[in-house]
C-alpha atoms as a PDB file:
ATOM      1  CA  MET A   1     115.336  64.507 100.314  1.00  0.00           C
ATOM      2  CA  MET A   2     116.847  65.224  96.896  1.00  0.00           C
ATOM      3  CA  SER A   3     114.457  66.247  94.148  1.00  0.00           C
ATOM      4  CA  PRO A   4     113.928  63.880  91.214  1.00  0.00           C
ATOM      5  CA  VAL A   5     114.454  65.081  87.664  1.00  0.00           C
ATOM      6  CA  PRO A   6     111.070  65.836  86.109  1.00  0.00           C
ATOM      7  CA  THR A   7     110.153  63.099  83.647  1.00  0.00           C
ATOM      8  CA  ALA A   8     107.967  65.348  81.522  1.00  0.00           C
ATOM      9  CA  THR A   9     111.005  67.280  80.303  1.00  0.00           C
ATOM     10  CA  ILE A  10     114.485  66.010  81.030  1.00  0.00           C
ATOM     11  CA  ALA A  11     116.236  69.309  81.632  1.00  0.00           C
ATOM     12  CA  PRO A  12     119.387  70.466  83.369  1.00  0.00           C
ATOM     13  CA  ALA A  13     119.250  71.748  86.944  1.00  0.00           C
ATOM     14  CA  ILE A  14     119.152  75.525  86.903  1.00  0.00           C
ATOM     15  CA  PHE A  15     119.457  75.714  90.718  1.00  0.00           C
ATOM     16  CA  HIS A  16     121.263  73.383  93.075  1.00  0.00           C
ATOM     17  CA  GLY A  17     120.921  73.954  96.799  1.00  0.00           C
ATOM     18  CA  HIS A  18     123.071  71.911  99.173  1.00  0.00           C
ATOM     19  CA  GLN A  19     122.488  71.807 102.935  1.00  0.00           C
ATOM     20  CA  ILE A  20     120.928  75.292 102.987  1.00  0.00           C
ATOM     21  CA  THR A  21     120.563  76.431 106.587  1.00  0.00           C
ATOM     22  CA  LYS A  22     119.243  79.740 107.880  1.00  0.00           C
ATOM     23  CA  THR A  23     119.292  80.671 111.554  1.00  0.00           C
ATOM     24  CA  TYR A  24     118.094  83.975 112.999  1.00  0.00           C
ATOM     25  CA  GLN A  25     119.208  85.101 116.440  1.00  0.00           C
ATOM     26  CA  MET A  26     116.308  86.617 118.391  1.00  0.00           C
ATOM     27  CA  GLY A  27     117.976  87.782 121.582  1.00  0.00           C
ATOM     28  CA  GLU A  28     119.180  84.620 123.267  1.00  0.00           C
ATOM     29  CA  VAL A  29     116.949  82.383 121.148  1.00  0.00           C
ATOM     30  CA  ALA A  30     118.117  80.833 117.847  1.00  0.00           C
ATOM     31  CA  VAL A  31     115.300  80.489 115.303  1.00  0.00           C
ATOM     32  CA  HIS A  32     116.009  77.804 112.708  1.00  0.00           C
ATOM     33  CA  ALA A  33     114.158  78.929 109.578  1.00  0.00           C
ATOM     34  CA  LEU A  34     115.838  76.358 107.299  1.00  0.00           C
ATOM     35  CA  ARG A  35     117.467  73.106 108.360  1.00  0.00           C
ATOM     36  CA  ALA A  36     119.986  71.643 105.875  1.00  0.00           C
ATOM     37  CA  VAL A  37     117.731  71.788 102.812  1.00  0.00           C
ATOM     38  CA  ASP A  38     118.832  70.036  99.600  1.00  0.00           C
ATOM     39  CA  LEU A  39     116.917  71.041  96.489  1.00  0.00           C
ATOM     40  CA  ASP A  40     117.334  71.150  92.708  1.00  0.00           C
ATOM     41  CA  LEU A  41     115.149  73.204  90.373  1.00  0.00           C
ATOM     42  CA  TYR A  42     115.097  72.349  86.690  1.00  0.00           C
ATOM     43  CA  GLU A  43     114.999  74.472  83.591  1.00  0.00           C
ATOM     44  CA  GLY A  44     111.486  75.185  82.315  1.00  0.00           C
ATOM     45  CA  GLU A  45     109.584  73.434  85.100  1.00  0.00           C
ATOM     46  CA  PHE A  46     106.622  74.720  87.086  1.00  0.00           C
ATOM     47  CA  VAL A  47     107.023  74.093  90.825  1.00  0.00           C
ATOM     48  CA  VAL A  48     104.486  74.638  93.598  1.00  0.00           C
ATOM     49  CA  LEU A  49     105.985  75.048  97.079  1.00  0.00           C
ATOM     50  CA  LEU A  50     103.456  74.307  99.829  1.00  0.00           C
ATOM     51  CA  GLY A  51     103.569  74.596 103.597  1.00  0.00           C
ATOM     52  CA  PRO A  52     102.035  76.394 106.547  1.00  0.00           C
ATOM     53  CA  SER A  53     103.175  79.787 107.759  1.00  0.00           C
ATOM     54  CA  GLY A  54     106.614  79.513 109.349  1.00  0.00           C
ATOM     55  CA  SER A  55     107.609  76.379 107.439  1.00  0.00           C
ATOM     56  CA  GLY A  56     110.494  78.131 105.670  1.00  0.00           C
ATOM     57  CA  LYS A  57     108.971  78.617 102.202  1.00  0.00           C
ATOM     58  CA  SER A  58     109.643  82.338 101.869  1.00  0.00           C
ATOM     59  CA  THR A  59     113.078  82.070 103.473  1.00  0.00           C
ATOM     60  CA  LEU A  60     114.058  79.441 100.919  1.00  0.00           C
ATOM     61  CA  LEU A  61     112.724  81.555  98.044  1.00  0.00           C
ATOM     62  CA  ASN A  62     114.579  84.633  99.290  1.00  0.00           C
ATOM     63  CA  ILE A  63     117.853  82.719  99.446  1.00  0.00           C
ATOM     64  CA  LEU A  64     117.430  81.133  96.016  1.00  0.00           C
ATOM     65  CA  GLY A  65     116.487  84.531  94.590  1.00  0.00           C
ATOM     66  CA  GLY A  66     119.512  86.300  96.026  1.00  0.00           C
ATOM     67  CA  LEU A  67     117.531  88.464  98.455  1.00  0.00           C
ATOM     68  CA  ASP A  68     119.184  86.756 101.426  1.00  0.00           C
ATOM     69  CA  ILE A  69     122.176  84.526 102.072  1.00  0.00           C
ATOM     70  CA  PRO A  70     122.240  81.236 103.992  1.00  0.00           C
ATOM     71  CA  THR A  71     123.857  80.879 107.385  1.00  0.00           C
ATOM     72  CA  SER A  72     125.538  77.780 105.972  1.00  0.00           C
ATOM     73  CA  GLY A  73     125.260  75.639 102.880  1.00  0.00           C
ATOM     74  CA  GLU A  74     125.617  76.494  99.215  1.00  0.00           C
ATOM     75  CA  VAL A  75     123.384  77.736  96.396  1.00  0.00           C
ATOM     76  CA  TYR A  76     124.454  77.253  92.795  1.00  0.00           C
ATOM     77  CA  PHE A  77     122.824  78.914  89.803  1.00  0.00           C
ATOM     78  CA  ARG A  78     124.055  77.342  86.569  1.00  0.00           C
ATOM     79  CA  GLN A  79     127.195  76.068  88.313  1.00  0.00           C
ATOM     80  CA  GLN A  80     127.951  79.492  89.843  1.00  0.00           C
ATOM     81  CA  ASN A  81     128.164  79.507  93.639  1.00  0.00           C
ATOM     82  CA  LEU A  82     125.971  82.424  94.726  1.00  0.00           C
ATOM     83  CA  SER A  83     126.879  81.872  98.367  1.00  0.00           C
ATOM     84  CA  LEU A  84     130.400  83.149  97.721  1.00  0.00           C
ATOM     85  CA  GLY A  85     129.605  85.812  95.143  1.00  0.00           C
ATOM     86  CA  GLY A  86     129.210  88.958  97.227  1.00  0.00           C
ATOM     87  CA  ASP A  87     126.848  91.899  96.754  1.00  0.00           C
ATOM     88  CA  ARG A  88     127.895  92.801  93.218  1.00  0.00           C
ATOM     89  CA  LEU A  89     127.280  89.299  91.869  1.00  0.00           C
ATOM     90  CA  LEU A  90     123.939  88.979  93.676  1.00  0.00           C
ATOM     91  CA  THR A  91     122.784  92.370  92.357  1.00  0.00           C
ATOM     92  CA  ARG A  92     123.576  91.378  88.777  1.00  0.00           C
ATOM     93  CA  PHE A  93     121.968  87.964  89.322  1.00  0.00           C
ATOM     94  CA  ARG A  94     118.725  89.530  90.607  1.00  0.00           C
ATOM     95  CA  ARG A  95     118.683  92.132  87.849  1.00  0.00           C
ATOM     96  CA  GLU A  96     119.359  89.808  84.928  1.00  0.00           C
ATOM     97  CA  SER A  97     118.171  86.321  85.846  1.00  0.00           C
ATOM     98  CA  ILE A  98     115.339  86.495  88.393  1.00  0.00           C
ATOM     99  CA  GLY A  99     111.848  87.957  88.465  1.00  0.00           C
ATOM    100  CA  PHE A 100     109.786  88.339  91.634  1.00  0.00           C
ATOM    101  CA  ILE A 101     106.013  88.422  92.165  1.00  0.00           C
ATOM    102  CA  PHE A 102     104.629  89.066  95.642  1.00  0.00           C
ATOM    103  CA  GLN A 103     101.192  88.973  97.258  1.00  0.00           C
ATOM    104  CA  PHE A 104     100.979  92.764  97.113  1.00  0.00           C
ATOM    105  CA  TYR A 105     101.610  94.366  93.783  1.00  0.00           C
ATOM    106  CA  ASN A 106     104.089  97.126  94.715  1.00  0.00           C
ATOM    107  CA  LEU A 107     103.072  99.302  91.780  1.00  0.00           C
ATOM    108  CA  ILE A 108     103.852 103.032  91.835  1.00  0.00           C
ATOM    109  CA  PRO A 109     100.445 104.782  91.999  1.00  0.00           C
ATOM    110  CA  SER A 110     101.531 107.850  90.012  1.00  0.00           C
ATOM    111  CA  LEU A 111     102.748 105.779  87.033  1.00  0.00           C
ATOM    112  CA  THR A 112     100.657 104.097  84.343  1.00  0.00           C
ATOM    113  CA  ALA A 113     100.812 100.358  83.693  1.00  0.00           C
ATOM    114  CA  ARG A 114     103.224 101.000  80.821  1.00  0.00           C
ATOM    115  CA  GLU A 115     105.431 103.228  82.986  1.00  0.00           C
ATOM    116  CA  ASN A 116     105.482 100.740  85.863  1.00  0.00           C
ATOM    117  CA  VAL A 117     106.780  98.047  83.497  1.00  0.00           C
ATOM    118  CA  ALA A 118     109.277 100.468  81.932  1.00  0.00           C
ATOM    119  CA  LEU A 119     110.965 100.854  85.334  1.00  0.00           C
ATOM    120  CA  VAL A 120     112.414  97.380  84.758  1.00  0.00           C
ATOM    121  CA  THR A 121     112.975  97.554  81.018  1.00  0.00           C
ATOM    122  CA  ASP A 122     115.073 100.701  81.404  1.00  0.00           C
ATOM    123  CA  ILE A 123     117.735  98.790  83.393  1.00  0.00           C
ATOM    124  CA  ALA A 124     117.515  95.281  81.906  1.00  0.00           C
ATOM    125  CA  PRO A 125     120.149  94.193  79.351  1.00  0.00           C
ATOM    126  CA  ARG A 126     117.717  92.588  76.860  1.00  0.00           C
ATOM    127  CA  PRO A 127     114.162  93.582  77.761  1.00  0.00           C
ATOM    128  CA  MET A 128     110.948  93.139  75.856  1.00  0.00           C
ATOM    129  CA  LYS A 129     108.964  96.289  75.227  1.00  0.00           C
ATOM    130  CA  PRO A 130     106.491  97.193  77.998  1.00  0.00           C
ATOM    131  CA  GLU A 131     103.660  97.000  75.474  1.00  0.00           C
ATOM    132  CA  VAL A 132     104.632  93.441  74.546  1.00  0.00           C
ATOM    133  CA  ALA A 133     104.846  92.343  78.185  1.00  0.00           C
ATOM    134  CA  LEU A 134     101.450  93.860  79.007  1.00  0.00           C
ATOM    135  CA  ASP A 135      99.883  92.282  75.947  1.00  0.00           C
ATOM    136  CA  LEU A 136     101.261  88.899  77.049  1.00  0.00           C
ATOM    137  CA  VAL A 137      99.359  89.180  80.350  1.00  0.00           C
ATOM    138  CA  GLY A 138      96.165  90.324  78.617  1.00  0.00           C
ATOM    139  CA  LEU A 139      96.433  94.038  79.368  1.00  0.00           C
ATOM    140  CA  GLY A 140      97.303  95.434  75.949  1.00  0.00           C
ATOM    141  CA  ASP A 141      94.255  97.689  76.224  1.00  0.00           C
ATOM    142  CA  ARG A 142      95.210  99.049  79.658  1.00  0.00           C
ATOM    143  CA  LEU A 143      98.634 100.530  78.867  1.00  0.00           C
ATOM    144  CA  ASP A 144      97.835 104.043  80.048  1.00  0.00           C
ATOM    145  CA  HIS A 145      95.697 103.173  83.049  1.00  0.00           C
ATOM    146  CA  PHE A 146      96.926 104.016  86.535  1.00  0.00           C
ATOM    147  CA  PRO A 147      96.829 101.372  89.309  1.00  0.00           C
ATOM    148  CA  SER A 148      93.773 103.052  90.867  1.00  0.00           C
ATOM    149  CA  GLN A 149      91.926 102.449  87.593  1.00  0.00           C
ATOM    150  CA  LEU A 150      92.685  98.725  87.619  1.00  0.00           C
ATOM    151  CA  SER A 151      91.201  95.831  89.581  1.00  0.00           C
ATOM    152  CA  GLY A 152      93.322  93.801  91.982  1.00  0.00           C
ATOM    153  CA  GLY A 153      93.782  91.039  89.440  1.00  0.00           C
ATOM    154  CA  GLN A 154      94.764  93.528  86.750  1.00  0.00           C
ATOM    155  CA  GLN A 155      97.301  95.136  89.096  1.00  0.00           C
ATOM    156  CA  GLN A 156      98.814  91.728  89.793  1.00  0.00           C
ATOM    157  CA  ARG A 157      99.057  91.097  86.052  1.00  0.00           C
ATOM    158  CA  VAL A 158     100.886  94.419  85.653  1.00  0.00           C
ATOM    159  CA  ALA A 159     103.284  93.202  88.344  1.00  0.00           C
ATOM    160  CA  ILE A 160     103.789  89.977  86.370  1.00  0.00           C
ATOM    161  CA  ALA A 161     104.390  91.955  83.175  1.00  0.00           C
ATOM    162  CA  ARG A 162     106.964  94.053  85.007  1.00  0.00           C
ATOM    163  CA  ALA A 163     108.735  90.921  86.236  1.00  0.00           C
ATOM    164  CA  ILE A 164     108.823  89.121  82.887  1.00  0.00           C
ATOM    165  CA  ALA A 165     109.709  92.178  80.781  1.00  0.00           C
ATOM    166  CA  LYS A 166     113.395  91.727  81.578  1.00  0.00           C
ATOM    167  CA  ARG A 167     113.158  88.108  80.325  1.00  0.00           C
ATOM    168  CA  PRO A 168     114.199  86.380  83.574  1.00  0.00           C
ATOM    169  CA  GLU A 169     115.203  82.749  83.523  1.00  0.00           C
ATOM    170  CA  VAL A 170     113.314  82.093  86.766  1.00  0.00           C
ATOM    171  CA  LEU A 171     110.151  83.668  88.164  1.00  0.00           C
ATOM    172  CA  PHE A 172     109.628  83.392  91.933  1.00  0.00           C
ATOM    173  CA  CYS A 173     106.044  84.041  93.074  1.00  0.00           C
ATOM    174  CA  ASP A 174     105.289  84.410  96.792  1.00  0.00           C
ATOM    175  CA  GLU A 175     101.535  83.968  97.396  1.00  0.00           C
ATOM    176  CA  PRO A 176     100.630  85.644  94.073  1.00  0.00           C
ATOM    177  CA  THR A 177      96.907  84.921  94.534  1.00  0.00           C
ATOM    178  CA  GLY A 178      96.802  85.534  98.288  1.00  0.00           C
ATOM    179  CA  ALA A 179      95.041  88.904  98.024  1.00  0.00           C
ATOM    180  CA  LEU A 180      92.649  87.838  95.249  1.00  0.00           C
ATOM    181  CA  ASP A 181      89.282  86.113  95.102  1.00  0.00           C
ATOM    182  CA  PHE A 182      88.867  82.656  93.582  1.00  0.00           C
ATOM    183  CA  SER A 183      87.995  83.710  90.020  1.00  0.00           C
ATOM    184  CA  THR A 184      90.593  86.465  89.820  1.00  0.00           C
ATOM    185  CA  GLY A 185      93.239  84.175  91.288  1.00  0.00           C
ATOM    186  CA  LYS A 186      92.625  81.693  88.503  1.00  0.00           C
ATOM    187  CA  LEU A 187      93.199  84.401  85.883  1.00  0.00           C
ATOM    188  CA  VAL A 188      96.562  85.212  87.462  1.00  0.00           C
ATOM    189  CA  LEU A 189      97.508  81.523  87.529  1.00  0.00           C
ATOM    190  CA  GLU A 190      96.589  81.262  83.841  1.00  0.00           C
ATOM    191  CA  VAL A 191      99.040  84.072  83.097  1.00  0.00           C
ATOM    192  CA  LEU A 192     101.796  82.344  85.065  1.00  0.00           C
ATOM    193  CA  ALA A 193     101.141  79.063  83.231  1.00  0.00           C
ATOM    194  CA  ARG A 194     101.341  80.931  79.919  1.00  0.00           C
ATOM    195  CA  VAL A 195     104.650  82.542  80.879  1.00  0.00           C
ATOM    196  CA  ASN A 196     106.030  79.101  81.727  1.00  0.00           C
ATOM    197  CA  GLN A 197     104.790  77.442  78.554  1.00  0.00           C
ATOM    198  CA  GLU A 198     105.349  80.180  75.975  1.00  0.00           C
ATOM    199  CA  LEU A 199     108.547  81.767  77.279  1.00  0.00           C
ATOM    200  CA  GLY A 200     110.065  78.640  78.867  1.00  0.00           C
ATOM    201  CA  THR A 201     110.522  80.491  82.152  1.00  0.00           C
ATOM    202  CA  THR A 202     111.063  78.345  85.243  1.00  0.00           C
ATOM    203  CA  VAL A 203     108.215  79.269  87.613  1.00  0.00           C
ATOM    204  CA  VAL A 204     108.132  78.635  91.368  1.00  0.00           C
ATOM    205  CA  ILE A 205     104.938  79.488  93.266  1.00  0.00           C
ATOM    206  CA  ILE A 206     104.866  79.648  97.045  1.00  0.00           C
ATOM    207  CA  THR A 207     101.397  79.131  98.471  1.00  0.00           C
ATOM    208  CA  HIS A 208      99.560  77.713 101.468  1.00  0.00           C
ATOM    209  CA  ASN A 209      96.760  76.693  99.068  1.00  0.00           C
ATOM    210  CA  ALA A 210      97.123  72.958  98.373  1.00  0.00           C
ATOM    211  CA  GLY A 211      94.618  73.145  95.501  1.00  0.00           C
ATOM    212  CA  ILE A 212      97.148  75.011  93.352  1.00  0.00           C
ATOM    213  CA  GLY A 213      99.541  72.056  93.551  1.00  0.00           C
ATOM    214  CA  ALA A 214      97.727  70.222  90.742  1.00  0.00           C
ATOM    215  CA  MET A 215      99.032  72.669  88.117  1.00  0.00           C
ATOM    216  CA  GLY A 216     102.711  72.071  88.917  1.00  0.00           C
ATOM    217  CA  ASP A 217     105.206  69.622  87.468  1.00  0.00           C
ATOM    218  CA  ARG A 218     106.296  69.026  91.055  1.00  0.00           C
ATOM    219  CA  VAL A 219     104.796  69.834  94.431  1.00  0.00           C
ATOM    220  CA  ILE A 220     107.276  70.409  97.255  1.00  0.00           C
ATOM    221  CA  THR A 221     105.883  70.474 100.783  1.00  0.00           C
ATOM    222  CA  MET A 222     107.826  72.055 103.637  1.00  0.00           C
ATOM    223  CA  ARG A 223     107.472  71.678 107.392  1.00  0.00           C
ATOM    224  CA  ASP A 224     109.569  73.138 110.186  1.00  0.00           C
ATOM    225  CA  GLY A 225     112.321  74.423 107.909  1.00  0.00           C
ATOM    226  CA  GLN A 226     112.741  71.157 106.012  1.00  0.00           C
ATOM    227  CA  ILE A 227     111.451  69.570 102.822  1.00  0.00           C
ATOM    228  CA  HIS A 228     108.856  67.045 103.944  1.00  0.00           C
ATOM    229  CA  THR A 229     107.768  65.592 100.594  1.00  0.00           C
ATOM    230  CA  ILE A 230     108.400  66.027  96.871  1.00  0.00           C
ATOM    231  CA  GLU A 231     105.686  64.738  94.573  1.00  0.00           C
ATOM    232  CA  GLN A 232     105.584  64.762  90.801  1.00  0.00           C
ATOM    233  CA  ASN A 233     102.291  65.154  88.977  1.00  0.00           C
ATOM    234  CA  ASP A 234     101.646  62.727  86.146  1.00  0.00           C
ATOM    235  CA  ARG A 235      99.659  65.481  84.465  1.00  0.00           C
ATOM    236  CA  ARG A 236      99.568  69.213  84.989  1.00  0.00           C
ATOM    237  CA  ALA A 237      96.074  70.572  85.545  1.00  0.00           C
ATOM    238  CA  SER A 238      95.045  73.771  83.837  1.00  0.00           C
ATOM    239  CA  PRO A 239      94.084  76.629  86.166  1.00  0.00           C
ATOM    240  CA  ASP A 240      90.408  76.396  85.194  1.00  0.00           C
ATOM    241  CA  GLU A 241      90.365  72.823  86.569  1.00  0.00           C
ATOM    242  CA  LEU A 242      91.521  73.890  90.029  1.00  0.00           C
ATOM    243  CA  GLU A 243      89.227  73.927  93.041  1.00  0.00           C
ATOM    244  CA  TRP A 244      89.882  75.298  96.514  1.00  0.00           C
END
């Protein structure tokens, strides 16, 4: 199923995926993680990608984000075919255009919040200052705290600050609230909504939590390596309205 253009903001497609297939060979058994997926993602939209474990969500995100390549099919980012680009192109693409947030924060324990963010800003071509990024996620008063001095939600917000400090065009989030309680998860979702609205960053959240779908422009549901449904919300809910 091809994805409709969001009506809330008519925007160009930033990603175009055509017949994306991923097959892993496990001994004599072929595991089909993705089966001929067609998908467009649009500039500035907020997408929630739902599906049970093993449905292909993370595999699709990894391929779109340049962490993996498809077995067959094509992925275009702003008309550039990433599938044919090679390692050098994919490295530059990941460094300059994409930010990643994962369930676990992957902060360096011996570095402060400011220093963890500076790891990215030191190699990005047009970064924001670490202090600015941390202030954007509500941690301007925690610049010199180490991860052990921060709560789980605060550590995840440092991870978000690190991802957005290089000013990525797209932010991919794989279960960003999976390790957090209900209230803390909402705070993290509020930060992601703010990044989308204030910076214009395209945000894609992978989750098994259907309740989060209400805050997206579109909700894409996957099953068995395929897109099962694409639904567009008439209105985006704010994170404090969510229930799960």
